[in-house]
């Protein structure tokens, strides 16, 4: 190849080399910023009808459960709305349980929801818990009286809440009168099971499988009692006690059923077990109904006979257990502090005197205190069924000096 031809071929090659050498390195694409979705904020809502409140709870649960698989056809039990303060179930709480089951079944189909019972609890992976509580006026709610409704759908095995919802209902639209079983109960049935359900509603994890199965059998038996099937109820409460010997609801149910049948000796034995369990737990909270502003019990012959039995048994159990207790009288938040302090003390003194009168060996074991309305649970001063727990007499077990 001639020198001239050699230069002819080298020139383009040299130019290409220069061109390639001058190219800039590829520019990395700008990072794409991923903005996390802003979670929806659920502001408190205040309703004038129970149906609106239940629809609101159902809608909030549905939105929060939008990603949940709905292929499982196991029934999901819905527990009764129970009082966060007293563990009672009111007429409104019973009705709203059924309403909530219907609303959730419509909004979360094909998932099936139904009121808690032994028929739907055995294979249940999830459960819906529900509670209500009277709202103290100082909590910043609109003018008027309100009831807070809370629900949570949780795993039965772990107690992990999949979703929670809360709303408020006008107290005038909420029938706080307890259902018949709870109205007849001698004591408020607050215990560890009650506290566990409240913990799950607050977002804490508590295994629920065993307690929900016990609750289902208990609910079935309460239905027997409220339908007047007292023999069946006595058997059912006995079955609950085989599984949970310290269940206060079953102990009081056994007492109440036997009392209704006229088996007074069996009723007294059942109440003795109830009182003993209370002493072991450290507290007994009695529902003793006094006349307004007085230390006399209300005019009801059957209740008067029951009160006499209760106080006799409490005195006997205190002697048998060598236990002492403070008798604390409480009052609702109506009237002046001075009047309620004095009245609650006078009521406590009357109870302590009757304890000693029925069980002389209990003399010196009970000390009377008037708490007034310093330790109200509800604090509305409405003086009706919604704040009945504020008008209670408690026995607080203490060391004997």
Protein backbone atom coordinates (compact mmCIF):
# COMPACT_ATOMS: atom_id res chain seq x y z
CA UNK A 1 0.00 0.00 0.00
CA UNK A 2 1.36 3.39 -0.90
CA UNK A 3 2.04 6.04 1.71
CA UNK A 4 -0.75 8.13 0.26
CA UNK A 5 -3.32 5.35 0.55
CA UNK A 6 -2.16 4.60 4.10
CA UNK A 7 -2.88 8.19 5.11
CA UNK A 8 -6.26 7.97 3.41
CA UNK A 9 -7.40 5.11 5.65
CA UNK A 10 -5.83 6.40 8.84
CA UNK A 11 -7.51 9.79 8.80
CA UNK A 12 -11.12 8.57 9.37
CA UNK A 13 -9.95 6.09 11.96
CA UNK A 14 -8.08 8.80 13.83
CA UNK A 15 -11.14 11.04 13.75
CA UNK A 16 -13.37 8.27 15.06
CA UNK A 17 -10.95 7.68 17.90
CA UNK A 18 -11.04 11.33 18.86
CA UNK A 19 -14.82 11.33 18.71
CA UNK A 20 -15.15 8.32 20.97
CA UNK A 21 -12.62 9.68 23.39
CA UNK A 22 -14.59 12.93 23.77
CA UNK A 23 -17.92 11.26 24.65
CA UNK A 24 -19.25 12.04 28.17
CA UNK A 25 -20.07 9.14 30.50
CA UNK A 26 -23.79 8.30 30.59
CA UNK A 27 -25.75 10.38 33.08
CA UNK A 28 -27.49 8.33 35.75
CA UNK A 29 -31.24 8.87 35.81
CA UNK A 30 -32.50 11.08 38.60
CA UNK A 31 -33.84 9.08 41.55
CA UNK A 32 -37.59 8.80 41.65
CA UNK A 33 -38.95 9.98 44.99
CA UNK A 34 -41.60 7.70 46.42
CA UNK A 35 -44.12 9.54 48.56
CA UNK A 36 -45.70 7.34 51.19
CA UNK A 37 -49.48 7.54 51.18
CA UNK A 38 -50.81 9.76 53.92
CA UNK A 39 -52.93 7.68 56.26
CA UNK A 40 -56.51 8.83 56.58
CA UNK A 41 -57.26 10.66 59.77
CA UNK A 42 -60.51 9.61 61.43
CA UNK A 43 -61.86 12.52 63.42
CA UNK A 44 -64.36 11.87 66.24
CA UNK A 45 -67.96 11.90 65.06
CA UNK A 46 -70.99 12.64 67.21
CA UNK A 47 -74.30 11.05 66.31
CA UNK A 48 -77.91 11.59 67.27
CA UNK A 49 -79.05 8.03 66.45
CA UNK A 50 -77.70 4.57 67.26
CA UNK A 51 -78.08 3.42 63.65
CA UNK A 52 -75.91 6.29 62.41
CA UNK A 53 -73.29 5.48 65.02
CA UNK A 54 -73.20 1.80 64.05
CA UNK A 55 -73.02 2.67 60.34
CA UNK A 56 -70.07 4.95 61.10
CA UNK A 57 -68.26 2.21 63.05
CA UNK A 58 -68.93 -0.28 60.26
CA UNK A 59 -67.65 2.09 57.59
CA UNK A 60 -64.45 2.88 59.45
CA UNK A 61 -63.72 -0.80 60.09
CA UNK A 62 -64.44 -1.60 56.43
CA UNK A 63 -61.98 1.04 55.19
CA UNK A 64 -59.28 -0.13 57.57
CA UNK A 65 -59.85 -3.78 56.55
CA UNK A 66 -59.81 -3.08 52.80
CA UNK A 67 -56.75 -5.27 52.24
CA UNK A 68 -57.91 -8.23 54.30
CA UNK A 69 -58.60 -11.49 52.49
CA UNK A 70 -62.30 -12.26 52.35
CA UNK A 71 -62.02 -15.88 51.22
CA UNK A 72 -62.31 -17.32 54.71
CA UNK A 73 -65.91 -18.40 55.28
CA UNK A 74 -65.53 -19.09 59.01
CA UNK A 75 -68.17 -17.11 60.92
CA UNK A 76 -66.89 -14.07 62.80
CA UNK A 77 -68.54 -13.62 66.23
CA UNK A 78 -69.53 -10.13 67.36
CA UNK A 79 -69.47 -9.72 71.14
CA UNK A 80 -71.98 -7.60 73.01
CA UNK A 81 -71.17 -3.94 73.67
CA UNK A 82 -70.17 -4.08 77.34
CA UNK A 83 -69.62 -1.26 79.80
CA UNK A 84 -65.95 -0.35 80.09
CA UNK A 85 -66.64 0.82 83.63
CA UNK A 86 -68.82 -1.96 85.09
CA UNK A 87 -68.66 -4.88 82.59
CA UNK A 88 -72.47 -4.78 82.39
CA UNK A 89 -74.41 -5.15 79.16
CA UNK A 90 -77.18 -2.61 78.64
CA UNK A 91 -80.30 -2.82 76.53
CA UNK A 92 -78.61 -0.57 73.96
CA UNK A 93 -75.44 -2.67 74.05
CA UNK A 94 -77.41 -5.81 73.25
CA UNK A 95 -79.30 -4.14 70.39
CA UNK A 96 -76.17 -2.57 68.88
CA UNK A 97 -74.40 -5.94 68.87
CA UNK A 98 -77.03 -7.25 66.45
CA UNK A 99 -76.96 -4.05 64.37
CA UNK A 100 -73.18 -4.15 64.05
CA UNK A 101 -73.22 -7.78 62.90
CA UNK A 102 -75.68 -6.88 60.13
CA UNK A 103 -73.75 -3.79 59.01
CA UNK A 104 -70.40 -5.59 58.90
CA UNK A 105 -71.94 -8.51 57.00
CA UNK A 106 -73.20 -6.09 54.35
CA UNK A 107 -70.01 -4.06 54.06
CA UNK A 108 -67.47 -6.91 54.26
CA UNK A 109 -69.27 -9.61 52.28
CA UNK A 110 -68.73 -12.50 51.80
CA UNK A 111 -67.39 -12.53 55.38
CA UNK A 112 -70.13 -13.64 57.75
CA UNK A 113 -70.80 -11.93 61.08
CA UNK A 114 -73.24 -12.97 63.82
CA UNK A 115 -73.73 -12.35 67.56
CA UNK A 116 -71.32 -14.32 69.72
CA UNK A 117 -72.58 -17.79 70.70
CA UNK A 118 -71.26 -21.32 71.16
CA UNK A 119 -72.44 -22.07 67.60
CA UNK A 120 -70.04 -19.67 65.88
CA UNK A 121 -67.02 -19.51 68.17
CA UNK A 122 -65.32 -22.90 67.79
CA UNK A 123 -63.68 -22.21 64.40
CA UNK A 124 -63.53 -18.44 64.60
CA UNK A 125 -60.17 -16.97 63.58
CA UNK A 126 -61.31 -13.43 64.27
CA UNK A 127 -63.68 -11.81 66.74
CA UNK A 128 -65.24 -8.36 66.98
CA UNK A 129 -65.08 -6.80 70.45
CA UNK A 130 -67.20 -3.80 71.40
CA UNK A 131 -67.49 -1.56 74.45
CA UNK A 132 -69.26 1.59 75.58
CA UNK A 133 -68.38 4.14 78.22
CA UNK A 134 -70.00 7.26 79.55
CA UNK A 135 -67.93 10.35 78.73
CA UNK A 136 -67.12 12.78 81.48
CA UNK A 137 -68.00 16.38 80.58
CA UNK A 138 -64.38 17.52 80.94
CA UNK A 139 -63.21 15.47 77.95
CA UNK A 140 -63.89 18.25 75.44
CA UNK A 141 -66.95 16.83 73.70
CA UNK A 142 -69.74 19.07 72.38
CA UNK A 143 -72.39 20.28 74.80
CA UNK A 144 -74.57 17.51 76.18
CA UNK A 145 -73.94 13.98 77.40
CA UNK A 146 -72.22 11.43 75.19
CA UNK A 147 -71.40 7.73 75.13
CA UNK A 148 -68.16 6.56 73.53
CA UNK A 149 -68.51 3.43 71.36
CA UNK A 150 -65.37 1.44 70.56
CA UNK A 151 -64.96 -1.67 68.41
CA UNK A 152 -62.02 -3.79 67.27
CA UNK A 153 -61.67 -6.80 65.02
CA UNK A 154 -58.90 -9.01 66.40
CA UNK A 155 -57.22 -12.37 65.94
CA UNK A 156 -58.61 -14.80 68.52
CA UNK A 157 -55.27 -16.60 68.88
CA UNK A 158 -53.05 -13.57 69.47
CA UNK A 159 -55.44 -10.77 70.32
CA UNK A 160 -53.81 -8.56 67.70
CA UNK A 161 -56.27 -5.91 66.56
CA UNK A 162 -56.60 -5.86 62.75
CA UNK A 163 -58.61 -2.65 62.90
CA UNK A 164 -60.22 -0.39 65.50
CA UNK A 165 -62.93 2.24 65.29
CA UNK A 166 -64.49 4.76 67.65
CA UNK A 167 -67.49 7.08 67.57
CA UNK A 168 -69.87 8.91 69.92
CA UNK A 169 -73.60 8.67 70.51
CA UNK A 170 -75.92 11.11 72.26
CA UNK A 171 -76.54 9.63 75.70
CA UNK A 172 -80.25 10.42 75.34
CA UNK A 173 -80.36 7.93 72.45
CA UNK A 174 -78.56 5.23 74.46
CA UNK A 175 -80.62 2.94 76.71
CA UNK A 176 -78.19 2.40 79.59
CA UNK A 177 -80.61 0.22 81.56
CA UNK A 178 -78.87 -3.15 82.12
CA UNK A 179 -80.39 -6.30 80.65
CA UNK A 180 -82.24 -8.41 83.18
CA UNK A 181 -79.32 -10.67 84.10
CA UNK A 182 -77.03 -7.75 84.89
CA UNK A 183 -79.78 -5.86 86.66
CA UNK A 184 -80.32 -8.86 88.96
CA UNK A 185 -76.60 -9.39 89.60
CA UNK A 186 -75.54 -8.57 93.18
CA UNK A 187 -72.11 -7.29 92.15
CA UNK A 188 -70.36 -5.59 89.26
CA UNK A 189 -68.55 -8.28 87.28
CA UNK A 190 -65.24 -6.56 86.56
CA UNK A 191 -62.43 -9.13 86.42
CA UNK A 192 -59.30 -10.08 84.48
CA UNK A 193 -61.31 -11.12 81.40
CA UNK A 194 -62.95 -7.71 81.31
CA UNK A 195 -59.55 -6.02 81.55
CA UNK A 196 -58.13 -8.21 78.76
CA UNK A 197 -60.88 -7.19 76.35
CA UNK A 198 -60.34 -3.53 77.19
CA UNK A 199 -56.61 -3.99 76.54
CA UNK A 200 -57.29 -5.43 73.06
CA UNK A 201 -59.66 -2.56 72.29
CA UNK A 202 -56.82 -0.21 73.28
CA UNK A 203 -54.45 -1.89 70.82
CA UNK A 204 -52.60 -4.25 73.15
CA UNK A 205 -52.28 -7.96 72.43
CA UNK A 206 -53.98 -10.47 74.70
CA UNK A 207 -54.76 -14.04 73.57
CA UNK A 208 -58.55 -14.31 73.33
CA UNK A 209 -59.29 -17.83 72.13
CA UNK A 210 -60.04 -19.44 75.50
CA UNK A 211 -61.75 -16.44 77.06
CA UNK A 212 -63.99 -15.94 74.00
CA UNK A 213 -65.09 -19.59 74.10
CA UNK A 214 -65.95 -19.19 77.78
CA UNK A 215 -67.74 -15.91 77.00
CA UNK A 216 -69.80 -17.61 74.28
CA UNK A 217 -71.03 -20.33 76.67
CA UNK A 218 -71.71 -17.68 79.29
CA UNK A 219 -73.70 -15.56 76.80
CA UNK A 220 -75.81 -18.59 75.84
CA UNK A 221 -76.55 -19.24 79.49
CA UNK A 222 -77.41 -15.61 80.18
CA UNK A 223 -79.99 -15.97 77.40
CA UNK A 224 -81.49 -18.95 79.24
CA UNK A 225 -81.69 -16.90 82.43
CA UNK A 226 -83.29 -13.89 80.77
CA UNK A 227 -85.82 -16.19 79.07
CA UNK A 228 -86.88 -17.62 82.46
CA UNK A 229 -85.27 -21.04 81.90
CA UNK A 230 -83.66 -21.02 85.33
CA UNK A 231 -82.97 -24.77 85.56
CA UNK A 232 -81.13 -24.67 82.23
CA UNK A 233 -79.33 -21.52 83.34
CA UNK A 234 -78.14 -23.12 86.60
CA UNK A 235 -76.75 -26.06 84.62
CA UNK A 236 -75.13 -23.77 82.08
CA UNK A 237 -73.43 -21.59 84.69
CA UNK A 238 -72.15 -24.77 86.36
CA UNK A 239 -70.62 -25.80 83.02
CA UNK A 240 -68.89 -22.42 82.72
CA UNK A 241 -67.45 -22.87 86.22
CA UNK A 242 -65.95 -26.23 85.23
CA UNK A 243 -63.86 -24.37 82.65
CA UNK A 244 -63.32 -21.14 84.60
CA UNK A 245 -63.86 -21.78 88.35
CA UNK A 246 -63.38 -18.11 89.28
CA UNK A 247 -65.71 -16.65 86.62
CA UNK A 248 -67.66 -13.96 88.55
CA UNK A 249 -70.49 -13.87 86.02
CA UNK A 250 -71.05 -17.62 86.28
CA UNK A 251 -70.83 -17.53 90.09
CA UNK A 252 -73.39 -14.76 90.33
CA UNK A 253 -75.51 -16.46 87.65
CA UNK A 254 -75.59 -19.67 89.65
CA UNK A 255 -76.68 -17.69 92.69
CA UNK A 256 -79.34 -15.78 90.77
CA UNK A 257 -80.76 -18.89 89.04
CA UNK A 258 -81.07 -20.83 92.28
CA UNK A 259 -82.64 -17.83 94.00
CA UNK A 260 -85.25 -17.53 91.25
CA UNK A 261 -86.11 -21.25 91.50
CA UNK A 262 -86.46 -21.00 95.28
CA UNK A 263 -83.41 -23.12 96.09
CA UNK A 264 -82.28 -20.75 98.82
CA UNK A 265 -79.67 -23.09 100.31
CA UNK A 266 -78.06 -23.64 96.90
CA UNK A 267 -78.22 -19.89 96.29
CA UNK A 268 -76.48 -19.19 99.60
CA UNK A 269 -73.70 -21.68 98.81
CA UNK A 270 -73.21 -20.11 95.38
CA UNK A 271 -73.06 -16.64 96.90
CA UNK A 272 -70.51 -17.89 99.43
CA UNK A 273 -68.23 -18.93 96.56
CA UNK A 274 -68.77 -15.55 94.92
CA UNK A 275 -67.88 -13.69 98.12
CA UNK A 276 -64.84 -15.91 98.70
CA UNK A 277 -63.60 -15.21 95.17
CA UNK A 278 -64.04 -11.49 95.83
CA UNK A 279 -62.04 -11.66 99.06
CA UNK A 280 -59.30 -13.58 97.23
CA UNK A 281 -59.26 -10.93 94.50
CA UNK A 282 -59.09 -8.18 97.11
CA UNK A 283 -62.34 -6.36 96.35
CA UNK A 284 -66.12 -6.82 96.23
CA UNK A 285 -68.28 -4.16 94.61
CA UNK A 286 -71.94 -4.48 95.63
CA UNK A 287 -75.03 -2.97 94.08
CA UNK A 288 -76.99 -1.91 97.15
CA UNK A 289 -79.85 0.38 96.21
CA UNK A 290 -80.64 3.12 98.71
CA UNK A 291 -83.46 5.62 98.72
CA UNK A 292 -82.42 8.99 97.33
CA UNK A 293 -80.59 11.01 99.96
CA UNK A 294 -81.17 8.39 102.67
CA UNK A 295 -79.52 5.38 104.30
CA UNK A 296 -82.60 3.16 103.91
CA UNK A 297 -82.72 0.54 101.18
CA UNK A 298 -85.35 0.96 98.47
CA UNK A 299 -88.76 -0.57 99.13
CA UNK A 300 -88.44 -4.01 97.54
CA UNK A 301 -89.14 -7.06 99.69
CA UNK A 302 -87.18 -9.47 97.49
CA UNK A 303 -84.12 -7.23 97.38
CA UNK A 304 -84.30 -6.68 101.13
CA UNK A 305 -84.19 -10.46 101.66
CA UNK A 306 -81.25 -10.76 99.26
CA UNK A 307 -79.33 -7.92 100.91
CA UNK A 308 -79.73 -9.64 104.27
CA UNK A 309 -78.31 -12.85 102.80
CA UNK A 310 -75.41 -11.05 101.08
CA UNK A 311 -74.28 -9.28 104.23
CA UNK A 312 -74.59 -12.41 106.35
CA UNK A 313 -72.45 -14.41 103.92
CA UNK A 314 -69.83 -11.65 103.59
CA UNK A 315 -69.49 -11.57 107.38
CA UNK A 316 -69.15 -15.35 107.53
CA UNK A 317 -66.54 -15.45 104.76
CA UNK A 318 -64.50 -12.71 106.42
CA UNK A 319 -64.41 -14.78 109.62
CA UNK A 320 -63.59 -18.02 107.78
CA UNK A 321 -60.74 -16.34 105.88
CA UNK A 322 -59.57 -14.26 108.87
CA UNK A 323 -59.87 -11.28 106.56
CA UNK A 324 -60.63 -7.63 107.21
CA UNK A 325 -61.95 -4.99 104.81
CA UNK A 326 -62.77 -1.33 104.42
CA UNK A 327 -66.43 -0.64 103.68
CA UNK A 328 -66.29 2.25 101.23
CA UNK A 329 -69.49 4.10 100.39
CA UNK A 330 -69.56 5.93 97.05
CA UNK A 331 -71.93 8.55 95.65
CA UNK A 332 -72.79 9.92 92.23
CA UNK A 333 -71.70 13.44 91.30
CA UNK A 334 -74.91 15.26 92.08
CA UNK A 335 -75.33 17.58 95.03
CA UNK A 336 -72.56 19.16 97.07
CA UNK A 337 -69.36 17.36 98.04
CA UNK A 338 -70.10 17.84 101.74
CA UNK A 339 -73.55 16.24 101.48
CA UNK A 340 -72.26 13.26 99.49
CA UNK A 341 -69.28 12.73 101.79
CA UNK A 342 -71.59 12.58 104.79
CA UNK A 343 -74.24 10.43 103.07
CA UNK A 344 -71.76 7.91 101.68
CA UNK A 345 -70.19 7.51 105.14
CA UNK A 346 -73.58 7.00 106.77
CA UNK A 347 -74.45 4.31 104.22
CA UNK A 348 -71.11 2.55 104.77
CA UNK A 349 -71.66 2.67 108.54
CA UNK A 350 -75.08 1.10 108.15
CA UNK A 351 -73.63 -1.74 106.06
CA UNK A 352 -70.85 -2.37 108.58
CA UNK A 353 -73.37 -2.43 111.43
CA UNK A 354 -75.55 -4.97 109.64
CA UNK A 355 -72.53 -7.16 108.95
CA UNK A 356 -71.76 -7.34 112.65
CA UNK A 357 -75.42 -7.80 113.55
CA UNK A 358 -75.69 -10.86 111.30
CA UNK A 359 -72.22 -12.21 112.16
CA UNK A 360 -71.11 -11.07 115.65
CA UNK A 361 -67.72 -12.77 115.17
CA UNK A 362 -66.99 -10.23 112.42
CA UNK A 363 -66.87 -7.34 114.91
CA UNK A 364 -63.78 -5.21 114.36
CA UNK A 365 -63.15 -6.58 110.86
CA UNK A 366 -64.84 -3.78 108.92
CA UNK A 367 -63.99 -0.09 108.87
CA UNK A 368 -66.44 2.42 107.34
CA UNK A 369 -65.35 5.17 104.96
CA UNK A 370 -67.30 7.79 103.04
CA UNK A 371 -65.70 8.43 99.64
CA UNK A 372 -68.44 10.71 98.33
CA UNK A 373 -67.98 11.30 94.61
CA UNK A 374 -64.15 11.40 94.70
CA UNK A 375 -63.83 8.04 92.89
CA UNK A 376 -66.63 8.08 90.33
CA UNK A 377 -66.24 5.94 87.22
CA UNK A 378 -68.76 7.88 85.15
CA UNK A 379 -69.06 11.22 86.88
CA UNK A 380 -71.98 12.65 84.93
CA UNK A 381 -74.25 13.05 87.95
CA UNK A 382 -77.22 11.94 85.86
CA UNK A 383 -78.52 9.73 88.68
CA UNK A 384 -79.89 7.12 86.31
CA UNK A 385 -78.80 3.69 85.05
CA UNK A 386 -75.83 5.16 83.16
CA UNK A 387 -74.01 6.23 86.33
CA UNK A 388 -75.41 3.64 88.75
CA UNK A 389 -71.90 2.27 89.33
CA UNK A 390 -70.99 5.58 90.97
CA UNK A 391 -73.52 4.77 93.72
CA UNK A 392 -71.89 1.59 95.00
CA UNK A 393 -70.53 0.06 98.18
CA UNK A 394 -67.12 -1.56 97.89
CA UNK A 395 -65.34 -3.91 100.24
CA UNK A 396 -61.57 -3.43 99.95
CA UNK A 397 -59.70 -6.26 101.64
CA UNK A 398 -56.91 -5.11 103.99
CA UNK A 399 -54.64 -6.72 106.58
CA UNK A 400 -56.21 -7.12 110.00
CA UNK A 401 -54.42 -4.92 112.54
